[in-house]
Amino acid sequence: MIVTRESDIGEVVRRRRLALGLSQTQLAEQAATTRQWVSRLEQGRGDVTVSRLLAILDVLGLTTDVSPPRSAAPSASAAQSMIDPSILDALRRLPEGT
């Protein structure tokens, strides 16, 4: 799932917690935080600190992947520049309609 808002993180945490059969209290105890904090996290409210979030994700067996935003599809000329020139040459030599 691509996370762009706090509520997205909360939804991921809630779904995983339920899939593992954990209550908010159980998750909070295992992550050394409070049930109230877990509740606020799942609702997309509150102060999400990196250390607490990482502790929650660790208990849930989840990881994070931080990457730049996805860009639009490359233009035709940019796409062609990514293809090996010998392949482009072979494609150009194919008969029409093949």
PDB file of N, CA and C in Angstrom:
ATOM      1  N   MET A   1       0.844  -1.175   0.000  1.00  0.00           N
ATOM      2  CA  MET A   1       0.000   0.000   0.000  1.00  0.00           C
ATOM      3  C   MET A   1       0.883   1.230   0.000  1.00  0.00           C
ATOM      4  N   ILE A   2       0.505   2.199  -0.784  1.00  0.00           N
ATOM      5  CA  ILE A   2       1.221   3.467  -0.795  1.00  0.00           C
ATOM      6  C   ILE A   2       0.602   4.359   0.267  1.00  0.00           C
ATOM      7  N   VAL A   3       1.428   4.857   1.147  1.00  0.00           N
ATOM      8  CA  VAL A   3       0.973   5.695   2.249  1.00  0.00           C
ATOM      9  C   VAL A   3       1.279   7.147   1.927  1.00  0.00           C
ATOM     10  N   THR A   4       0.229   7.962   1.904  1.00  0.00           N
ATOM     11  CA  THR A   4       0.422   9.384   1.641  1.00  0.00           C
ATOM     12  C   THR A   4      -0.132  10.259   2.761  1.00  0.00           C
ATOM     13  N   ARG A   5      -0.915   9.661   3.664  1.00  0.00           N
ATOM     14  CA  ARG A   5      -1.507  10.419   4.770  1.00  0.00           C
ATOM     15  C   ARG A   5      -1.370   9.610   6.063  1.00  0.00           C
ATOM     16  N   GLU A   6      -1.476  10.308   7.194  1.00  0.00           N
ATOM     17  CA  GLU A   6      -1.431   9.614   8.490  1.00  0.00           C
ATOM     18  C   GLU A   6      -2.507   8.551   8.579  1.00  0.00           C
ATOM     19  N   SER A   7      -3.687   8.851   8.040  1.00  0.00           N
ATOM     20  CA  SER A   7      -4.791   7.886   8.125  1.00  0.00           C
ATOM     21  C   SER A   7      -4.472   6.604   7.354  1.00  0.00           C
ATOM     22  N   ASP A   8      -3.641   6.695   6.308  1.00  0.00           N
ATOM     23  CA  ASP A   8      -3.231   5.494   5.566  1.00  0.00           C
ATOM     24  C   ASP A   8      -2.410   4.569   6.461  1.00  0.00           C
ATOM     25  N   ILE A   9      -1.500   5.145   7.228  1.00  0.00           N
ATOM     26  CA  ILE A   9      -0.679   4.342   8.140  1.00  0.00           C
ATOM     27  C   ILE A   9      -1.574   3.678   9.174  1.00  0.00           C
ATOM     28  N   GLY A  10      -2.498   4.452   9.708  1.00  0.00           N
ATOM     29  CA  GLY A  10      -3.420   3.911  10.698  1.00  0.00           C
ATOM     30  C   GLY A  10      -4.228   2.749  10.166  1.00  0.00           C
ATOM     31  N   GLU A  11      -4.659   2.851   8.921  1.00  0.00           N
ATOM     32  CA  GLU A  11      -5.445   1.777   8.300  1.00  0.00           C
ATOM     33  C   GLU A  11      -4.606   0.512   8.134  1.00  0.00           C
ATOM     34  N   VAL A  12      -3.360   0.673   7.721  1.00  0.00           N
ATOM     35  CA  VAL A  12      -2.461  -0.477   7.576  1.00  0.00           C
ATOM     36  C   VAL A  12      -2.259  -1.155   8.930  1.00  0.00           C
ATOM     37  N   VAL A  13      -2.006  -0.361   9.946  1.00  0.00           N
ATOM     38  CA  VAL A  13      -1.785  -0.906  11.290  1.00  0.00           C
ATOM     39  C   VAL A  13      -3.034  -1.625  11.780  1.00  0.00           C
ATOM     40  N   ARG A  14      -4.198  -1.010  11.622  1.00  0.00           N
ATOM     41  CA  ARG A  14      -5.447  -1.613  12.095  1.00  0.00           C
ATOM     42  C   ARG A  14      -5.716  -2.947  11.407  1.00  0.00           C
ATOM     43  N   ARG A  15      -5.577  -2.964  10.076  1.00  0.00           N
ATOM     44  CA  ARG A  15      -5.825  -4.209   9.328  1.00  0.00           C
ATOM     45  C   ARG A  15      -4.881  -5.330   9.759  1.00  0.00           C
ATOM     46  N   ARG A  16      -3.615  -4.997   9.906  1.00  0.00           N
ATOM     47  CA  ARG A  16      -2.631  -6.015  10.284  1.00  0.00           C
ATOM     48  C   ARG A  16      -2.871  -6.497  11.718  1.00  0.00           C
ATOM     49  N   ARG A  17      -3.193  -5.565  12.605  1.00  0.00           N
ATOM     50  CA  ARG A  17      -3.462  -5.934  14.000  1.00  0.00           C
ATOM     51  C   ARG A  17      -4.625  -6.911  14.064  1.00  0.00           C
ATOM     52  N   LEU A  18      -5.696  -6.601  13.335  1.00  0.00           N
ATOM     53  CA  LEU A  18      -6.866  -7.479  13.326  1.00  0.00           C
ATOM     54  C   LEU A  18      -6.539  -8.832  12.694  1.00  0.00           C
ATOM     55  N   ALA A  19      -5.745  -8.814  11.626  1.00  0.00           N
ATOM     56  CA  ALA A  19      -5.367 -10.071  10.964  1.00  0.00           C
ATOM     57  C   ALA A  19      -4.568 -10.974  11.906  1.00  0.00           C
ATOM     58  N   LEU A  20      -3.802 -10.361  12.794  1.00  0.00           N
ATOM     59  CA  LEU A  20      -3.007 -11.127  13.761  1.00  0.00           C
ATOM     60  C   LEU A  20      -3.808 -11.475  15.017  1.00  0.00           C
ATOM     61  N   GLY A  21      -5.038 -10.981  15.090  1.00  0.00           N
ATOM     62  CA  GLY A  21      -5.884 -11.274  16.241  1.00  0.00           C
ATOM     63  C   GLY A  21      -5.470 -10.551  17.513  1.00  0.00           C
ATOM     64  N   LEU A  22      -4.840  -9.400  17.365  1.00  0.00           N
ATOM     65  CA  LEU A  22      -4.395  -8.627  18.523  1.00  0.00           C
ATOM     66  C   LEU A  22      -5.396  -7.533  18.857  1.00  0.00           C
ATOM     67  N   SER A  23      -5.574  -7.277  20.138  1.00  0.00           N
ATOM     68  CA  SER A  23      -6.356  -6.118  20.562  1.00  0.00           C
ATOM     69  C   SER A  23      -5.427  -4.906  20.553  1.00  0.00           C
ATOM     70  N   GLN A  24      -6.003  -3.724  20.640  1.00  0.00           N
ATOM     71  CA  GLN A  24      -5.170  -2.528  20.728  1.00  0.00           C
ATOM     72  C   GLN A  24      -4.304  -2.582  21.986  1.00  0.00           C
ATOM     73  N   THR A  25      -4.856  -3.099  23.061  1.00  0.00           N
ATOM     74  CA  THR A  25      -4.108  -3.204  24.321  1.00  0.00           C
ATOM     75  C   THR A  25      -2.920  -4.146  24.175  1.00  0.00           C
ATOM     76  N   GLN A  26      -3.141  -5.296  23.547  1.00  0.00           N
ATOM     77  CA  GLN A  26      -2.047  -6.257  23.358  1.00  0.00           C
ATOM     78  C   GLN A  26      -0.943  -5.662  22.494  1.00  0.00           C
ATOM     79  N   LEU A  27      -1.333  -5.000  21.409  1.00  0.00           N
ATOM     80  CA  LEU A  27      -0.344  -4.376  20.536  1.00  0.00           C
ATOM     81  C   LEU A  27       0.431  -3.309  21.298  1.00  0.00           C
ATOM     82  N   ALA A  28      -0.272  -2.489  22.044  1.00  0.00           N
ATOM     83  CA  ALA A  28       0.376  -1.422  22.810  1.00  0.00           C
ATOM     84  C   ALA A  28       1.380  -1.993  23.811  1.00  0.00           C
ATOM     85  N   GLU A  29       0.988  -3.043  24.506  1.00  0.00           N
ATOM     86  CA  GLU A  29       1.894  -3.646  25.496  1.00  0.00           C
ATOM     87  C   GLU A  29       3.155  -4.188  24.832  1.00  0.00           C
ATOM     88  N   GLN A  30       2.996  -4.856  23.708  1.00  0.00           N
ATOM     89  CA  GLN A  30       4.157  -5.436  23.021  1.00  0.00           C
ATOM     90  C   GLN A  30       5.074  -4.370  22.427  1.00  0.00           C
ATOM     91  N   ALA A  31       4.505  -3.203  22.101  1.00  0.00           N
ATOM     92  CA  ALA A  31       5.298  -2.123  21.507  1.00  0.00           C
ATOM     93  C   ALA A  31       5.713  -1.077  22.542  1.00  0.00           C
ATOM     94  N   ALA A  32       5.422  -1.342  23.811  1.00  0.00           N
ATOM     95  CA  ALA A  32       5.785  -0.432  24.908  1.00  0.00           C
ATOM     96  C   ALA A  32       5.192   0.961  24.727  1.00  0.00           C
ATOM     97  N   THR A  33       3.910   0.996  24.415  1.00  0.00           N
ATOM     98  CA  THR A  33       3.197   2.266  24.309  1.00  0.00           C
ATOM     99  C   THR A  33       1.826   2.083  24.958  1.00  0.00           C
ATOM    100  N   THR A  34       0.923   3.009  24.736  1.00  0.00           N
ATOM    101  CA  THR A  34      -0.401   2.922  25.363  1.00  0.00           C
ATOM    102  C   THR A  34      -1.470   2.548  24.345  1.00  0.00           C
ATOM    103  N   ARG A  35      -2.566   1.990  24.859  1.00  0.00           N
ATOM    104  CA  ARG A  35      -3.694   1.657  23.995  1.00  0.00           C
ATOM    105  C   ARG A  35      -4.253   2.922  23.353  1.00  0.00           C
ATOM    106  N   GLN A  36      -4.266   4.017  24.105  1.00  0.00           N
ATOM    107  CA  GLN A  36      -4.785   5.280  23.572  1.00  0.00           C
ATOM    108  C   GLN A  36      -3.953   5.749  22.378  1.00  0.00           C
ATOM    109  N   TRP A  37      -2.645   5.568  22.464  1.00  0.00           N
ATOM    110  CA  TRP A  37      -1.783   5.983  21.354  1.00  0.00           C
ATOM    111  C   TRP A  37      -2.059   5.127  20.122  1.00  0.00           C
ATOM    112  N   VAL A  38      -2.218   3.821  20.316  1.00  0.00           N
ATOM    113  CA  VAL A  38      -2.541   2.927  19.195  1.00  0.00           C
ATOM    114  C   VAL A  38      -3.871   3.339  18.579  1.00  0.00           C
ATOM    115  N   SER A  39      -4.844   3.660  19.414  1.00  0.00           N
ATOM    116  CA  SER A  39      -6.153   4.090  18.923  1.00  0.00           C
ATOM    117  C   SER A  39      -6.028   5.355  18.078  1.00  0.00           C
ATOM    118  N   ARG A  40      -5.281   6.342  18.573  1.00  0.00           N
ATOM    119  CA  ARG A  40      -5.089   7.586  17.807  1.00  0.00           C
ATOM    120  C   ARG A  40      -4.358   7.313  16.493  1.00  0.00           C
ATOM    121  N   LEU A  41      -3.357   6.439  16.535  1.00  0.00           N
ATOM    122  CA  LEU A  41      -2.619   6.082  15.316  1.00  0.00           C
ATOM    123  C   LEU A  41      -3.569   5.485  14.287  1.00  0.00           C
ATOM    124  N   GLU A  42      -4.392   4.540  14.708  1.00  0.00           N
ATOM    125  CA  GLU A  42      -5.311   3.876  13.784  1.00  0.00           C
ATOM    126  C   GLU A  42      -6.351   4.843  13.218  1.00  0.00           C
ATOM    127  N   GLN A  43      -6.661   5.890  13.961  1.00  0.00           N
ATOM    128  CA  GLN A  43      -7.628   6.880  13.496  1.00  0.00           C
ATOM    129  C   GLN A  43      -6.971   7.991  12.672  1.00  0.00           C
ATOM    130  N   GLY A  44      -5.654   7.950  12.557  1.00  0.00           N
ATOM    131  CA  GLY A  44      -4.946   8.969  11.783  1.00  0.00           C
ATOM    132  C   GLY A  44      -4.831  10.289  12.512  1.00  0.00           C
ATOM    133  N   ARG A  45      -4.921  10.253  13.833  1.00  0.00           N
ATOM    134  CA  ARG A  45      -4.803  11.472  14.636  1.00  0.00           C
ATOM    135  C   ARG A  45      -3.620  11.325  15.579  1.00  0.00           C
ATOM    136  N   GLY A  46      -3.209  12.431  16.096  1.00  0.00           N
ATOM    137  CA  GLY A  46      -2.207  12.350  17.144  1.00  0.00           C
ATOM    138  C   GLY A  46      -0.791  12.546  16.658  1.00  0.00           C
ATOM    139  N   ASP A  47       0.105  12.341  17.587  1.00  0.00           N
ATOM    140  CA  ASP A  47       1.521  12.585  17.349  1.00  0.00           C
ATOM    141  C   ASP A  47       2.232  11.276  17.044  1.00  0.00           C
ATOM    142  N   VAL A  48       2.484  11.047  15.796  1.00  0.00           N
ATOM    143  CA  VAL A  48       3.155   9.812  15.385  1.00  0.00           C
ATOM    144  C   VAL A  48       4.653  10.075  15.361  1.00  0.00           C
ATOM    145  N   THR A  49       5.359   9.486  16.323  1.00  0.00           N
ATOM    146  CA  THR A  49       6.811   9.611  16.326  1.00  0.00           C
ATOM    147  C   THR A  49       7.395   8.403  15.603  1.00  0.00           C
ATOM    148  N   VAL A  50       8.516   8.609  14.991  1.00  0.00           N
ATOM    149  CA  VAL A  50       9.145   7.539  14.216  1.00  0.00           C
ATOM    150  C   VAL A  50       9.461   6.342  15.104  1.00  0.00           C
ATOM    151  N   SER A  51       9.996   6.587  16.285  1.00  0.00           N
ATOM    152  CA  SER A  51      10.380   5.464  17.152  1.00  0.00           C
ATOM    153  C   SER A  51       9.170   4.637  17.564  1.00  0.00           C
ATOM    154  N   ARG A  52       8.075   5.279  17.910  1.00  0.00           N
ATOM    155  CA  ARG A  52       6.868   4.530  18.280  1.00  0.00           C
ATOM    156  C   ARG A  52       6.299   3.788  17.079  1.00  0.00           C
ATOM    157  N   LEU A  53       6.268   4.458  15.942  1.00  0.00           N
ATOM    158  CA  LEU A  53       5.739   3.818  14.738  1.00  0.00           C
ATOM    159  C   LEU A  53       6.569   2.591  14.375  1.00  0.00           C
ATOM    160  N   LEU A  54       7.886   2.711  14.428  1.00  0.00           N
ATOM    161  CA  LEU A  54       8.750   1.571  14.110  1.00  0.00           C
ATOM    162  C   LEU A  54       8.544   0.424  15.094  1.00  0.00           C
ATOM    163  N   ALA A  55       8.311   0.742  16.365  1.00  0.00           N
ATOM    164  CA  ALA A  55       8.046  -0.308  17.359  1.00  0.00           C
ATOM    165  C   ALA A  55       6.752  -1.041  17.024  1.00  0.00           C
ATOM    166  N   ILE A  56       5.727  -0.298  16.640  1.00  0.00           N
ATOM    167  CA  ILE A  56       4.438  -0.895  16.259  1.00  0.00           C
ATOM    168  C   ILE A  56       4.623  -1.779  15.033  1.00  0.00           C
ATOM    169  N   LEU A  57       5.307  -1.257  14.007  1.00  0.00           N
ATOM    170  CA  LEU A  57       5.513  -2.025  12.780  1.00  0.00           C
ATOM    171  C   LEU A  57       6.305  -3.295  13.061  1.00  0.00           C
ATOM    172  N   ASP A  58       7.270  -3.214  13.962  1.00  0.00           N
ATOM    173  CA  ASP A  58       8.067  -4.389  14.314  1.00  0.00           C
ATOM    174  C   ASP A  58       7.190  -5.472  14.940  1.00  0.00           C
ATOM    175  N   VAL A  59       6.339  -5.094  15.874  1.00  0.00           N
ATOM    176  CA  VAL A  59       5.437  -6.062  16.511  1.00  0.00           C
ATOM    177  C   VAL A  59       4.531  -6.703  15.469  1.00  0.00           C
ATOM    178  N   LEU A  60       4.086  -5.908  14.489  1.00  0.00           N
ATOM    179  CA  LEU A  60       3.166  -6.408  13.467  1.00  0.00           C
ATOM    180  C   LEU A  60       3.877  -7.148  12.334  1.00  0.00           C
ATOM    181  N   GLY A  61       5.213  -7.161  12.367  1.00  0.00           N
ATOM    182  CA  GLY A  61       5.961  -7.840  11.309  1.00  0.00           C
ATOM    183  C   GLY A  61       5.921  -7.089   9.992  1.00  0.00           C
ATOM    184  N   LEU A  62       5.795  -5.762  10.075  1.00  0.00           N
ATOM    185  CA  LEU A  62       5.749  -4.928   8.871  1.00  0.00           C
ATOM    186  C   LEU A  62       7.044  -4.143   8.744  1.00  0.00           C
ATOM    187  N   THR A  63       7.369  -3.751   7.523  1.00  0.00           N
ATOM    188  CA  THR A  63       8.544  -2.925   7.270  1.00  0.00           C
ATOM    189  C   THR A  63       8.119  -1.673   6.523  1.00  0.00           C
ATOM    190  N   THR A  64       9.027  -0.730   6.432  1.00  0.00           N
ATOM    191  CA  THR A  64       8.753   0.490   5.678  1.00  0.00           C
ATOM    192  C   THR A  64       9.674   0.549   4.467  1.00  0.00           C
ATOM    193  N   ASP A  65       9.194   1.224   3.459  1.00  0.00           N
ATOM    194  CA  ASP A  65       9.982   1.445   2.248  1.00  0.00           C
ATOM    195  C   ASP A  65       9.763   2.894   1.857  1.00  0.00           C
ATOM    196  N   VAL A  66      10.774   3.707   2.021  1.00  0.00           N
ATOM    197  CA  VAL A  66      10.661   5.121   1.700  1.00  0.00           C
ATOM    198  C   VAL A  66      11.278   5.336   0.329  1.00  0.00           C
ATOM    199  N   SER A  67      10.498   5.909  -0.583  1.00  0.00           N
ATOM    200  CA  SER A  67      10.996   6.132  -1.938  1.00  0.00           C
ATOM    201  C   SER A  67      10.414   7.424  -2.482  1.00  0.00           C
ATOM    202  N   PRO A  68      11.035   7.971  -3.523  1.00  0.00           N
ATOM    203  CA  PRO A  68      10.507   9.196  -4.108  1.00  0.00           C
ATOM    204  C   PRO A  68       9.137   8.937  -4.723  1.00  0.00           C
ATOM    205  N   PRO A  69       8.342   9.993  -4.879  1.00  0.00           N
ATOM    206  CA  PRO A  69       7.024   9.816  -5.493  1.00  0.00           C
ATOM    207  C   PRO A  69       7.149   9.232  -6.891  1.00  0.00           C
ATOM    208  N   ARG A  70       6.142   8.480  -7.259  1.00  0.00           N
ATOM    209  CA  ARG A  70       6.130   7.924  -8.616  1.00  0.00           C
ATOM    210  C   ARG A  70       5.936   9.058  -9.608  1.00  0.00           C
ATOM    211  N   SER A  71       6.696   9.009 -10.679  1.00  0.00           N
ATOM    212  CA  SER A  71       6.543  10.034 -11.708  1.00  0.00           C
ATOM    213  C   SER A  71       5.637   9.501 -12.801  1.00  0.00           C
ATOM    214  N   ALA A  72       5.238  10.386 -13.660  1.00  0.00           N
ATOM    215  CA  ALA A  72       4.397   9.993 -14.787  1.00  0.00           C
ATOM    216  C   ALA A  72       5.182   9.054 -15.699  1.00  0.00           C
ATOM    217  N   ALA A  73       4.467   8.355 -16.551  1.00  0.00           N
ATOM    218  CA  ALA A  73       5.112   7.439 -17.498  1.00  0.00           C
ATOM    219  C   ALA A  73       6.088   8.224 -18.371  1.00  0.00           C
ATOM    220  N   PRO A  74       7.205   7.617 -18.730  1.00  0.00           N
ATOM    221  CA  PRO A  74       8.177   8.326 -19.565  1.00  0.00           C
ATOM    222  C   PRO A  74       7.611   8.599 -20.955  1.00  0.00           C
ATOM    223  N   SER A  75       8.091   9.664 -21.570  1.00  0.00           N
ATOM    224  CA  SER A  75       7.667   9.975 -22.934  1.00  0.00           C
ATOM    225  C   SER A  75       8.194   8.896 -23.875  1.00  0.00           C
ATOM    226  N   ALA A  76       7.660   8.861 -25.080  1.00  0.00           N
ATOM    227  CA  ALA A  76       8.087   7.852 -26.054  1.00  0.00           C
ATOM    228  C   ALA A  76       9.587   7.949 -26.312  1.00  0.00           C
ATOM    229  N   SER A  77      10.099   9.173 -26.437  1.00  0.00           N
ATOM    230  CA  SER A  77      11.534   9.317 -26.716  1.00  0.00           C
ATOM    231  C   SER A  77      12.368   8.876 -25.512  1.00  0.00           C
ATOM    232  N   ALA A  78      11.900   9.159 -24.301  1.00  0.00           N
ATOM    233  CA  ALA A  78      12.627   8.719 -23.110  1.00  0.00           C
ATOM    234  C   ALA A  78      12.585   7.202 -23.004  1.00  0.00           C
ATOM    235  N   ALA A  79      11.445   6.609 -23.316  1.00  0.00           N
ATOM    236  CA  ALA A  79      11.317   5.150 -23.265  1.00  0.00           C
ATOM    237  C   ALA A  79      12.256   4.506 -24.275  1.00  0.00           C
ATOM    238  N   GLN A  80      12.346   5.090 -25.472  1.00  0.00           N
ATOM    239  CA  GLN A  80      13.237   4.538 -26.495  1.00  0.00           C
ATOM    240  C   GLN A  80      14.688   4.597 -26.045  1.00  0.00           C
ATOM    241  N   SER A  81      15.046   5.650 -25.322  1.00  0.00           N
ATOM    242  CA  SER A  81      16.439   5.772 -24.893  1.00  0.00           C
ATOM    243  C   SER A  81      16.795   4.734 -23.831  1.00  0.00           C
ATOM    244  N   MET A  82      15.783   4.113 -23.215  1.00  0.00           N
ATOM    245  CA  MET A  82      16.039   3.079 -22.212  1.00  0.00           C
ATOM    246  C   MET A  82      16.215   1.700 -22.844  1.00  0.00           C
ATOM    247  N   ILE A  83      15.874   1.560 -24.129  1.00  0.00           N
ATOM    248  CA  ILE A  83      15.953   0.269 -24.808  1.00  0.00           C
ATOM    249  C   ILE A  83      17.321   0.131 -25.458  1.00  0.00           C
ATOM    250  N   ASP A  84      17.879  -1.054 -25.371  1.00  0.00           N
ATOM    251  CA  ASP A  84      19.170  -1.345 -25.983  1.00  0.00           C
ATOM    252  C   ASP A  84      19.103  -0.980 -27.471  1.00  0.00           C
ATOM    253  N   PRO A  85      20.062  -0.197 -27.981  1.00  0.00           N
ATOM    254  CA  PRO A  85      20.046   0.229 -29.384  1.00  0.00           C
ATOM    255  C   PRO A  85      19.979  -0.934 -30.377  1.00  0.00           C
ATOM    256  N   SER A  86      20.594  -2.061 -30.066  1.00  0.00           N
ATOM    257  CA  SER A  86      20.553  -3.190 -31.000  1.00  0.00           C
ATOM    258  C   SER A  86      19.136  -3.752 -31.102  1.00  0.00           C
ATOM    259  N   ILE A  87      18.385  -3.700 -30.014  1.00  0.00           N
ATOM    260  CA  ILE A  87      16.990  -4.158 -30.057  1.00  0.00           C
ATOM    261  C   ILE A  87      16.156  -3.193 -30.881  1.00  0.00           C
ATOM    262  N   LEU A  88      16.378  -1.901 -30.695  1.00  0.00           N
ATOM    263  CA  LEU A  88      15.656  -0.913 -31.501  1.00  0.00           C
ATOM    264  C   LEU A  88      15.943  -1.123 -32.984  1.00  0.00           C
ATOM    265  N   ASP A  89      17.204  -1.376 -33.314  1.00  0.00           N
ATOM    266  CA  ASP A  89      17.596  -1.633 -34.703  1.00  0.00           C
ATOM    267  C   ASP A  89      16.845  -2.834 -35.266  1.00  0.00           C
ATOM    268  N   ALA A  90      16.796  -3.908 -34.506  1.00  0.00           N
ATOM    269  CA  ALA A  90      16.105  -5.122 -34.955  1.00  0.00           C
ATOM    270  C   ALA A  90      14.618  -4.856 -35.140  1.00  0.00           C
ATOM    271  N   LEU A  91      14.022  -4.088 -34.251  1.00  0.00           N
ATOM    272  CA  LEU A  91      12.593  -3.766 -34.375  1.00  0.00           C
ATOM    273  C   LEU A  91      12.316  -2.935 -35.623  1.00  0.00           C
ATOM    274  N   ARG A  92      13.208  -2.018 -35.932  1.00  0.00           N
ATOM    275  CA  ARG A  92      13.019  -1.169 -37.119  1.00  0.00           C
ATOM    276  C   ARG A  92      13.110  -1.984 -38.410  1.00  0.00           C
ATOM    277  N   ARG A  93      13.867  -3.077 -38.390  1.00  0.00           N
ATOM    278  CA  ARG A  93      14.038  -3.888 -39.594  1.00  0.00           C
ATOM    279  C   ARG A  93      12.907  -4.888 -39.812  1.00  0.00           C
ATOM    280  N   LEU A  94      12.011  -5.026 -38.840  1.00  0.00           N
ATOM    281  CA  LEU A  94      10.886  -5.952 -39.011  1.00  0.00           C
ATOM    282  C   LEU A  94       9.965  -5.454 -40.116  1.00  0.00           C
ATOM    283  N   PRO A  95       9.406  -6.365 -40.921  1.00  0.00           N
ATOM    284  CA  PRO A  95       8.468  -5.953 -41.963  1.00  0.00           C
ATOM    285  C   PRO A  95       7.211  -5.352 -41.340  1.00  0.00           C
ATOM    286  N   GLU A  96       6.573  -4.445 -42.055  1.00  0.00           N
ATOM    287  CA  GLU A  96       5.325  -3.821 -41.600  1.00  0.00           C
ATOM    288  C   GLU A  96       4.282  -4.879 -41.299  1.00  0.00           C
ATOM    289  N   GLY A  97       3.475  -4.661 -40.263  1.00  0.00           N
ATOM    290  CA  GLY A  97       2.381  -5.568 -39.932  1.00  0.00           C
ATOM    291  C   GLY A  97       2.800  -6.808 -39.181  1.00  0.00           C
ATOM    292  N   THR A  98       4.046  -6.879 -38.758  1.00  0.00           N
ATOM    293  CA  THR A  98       4.508  -8.073 -38.039  1.00  0.00           C
ATOM    294  C   THR A  98       4.268  -7.935 -36.572  1.00  0.00           C
TER     295      THR A  98
END
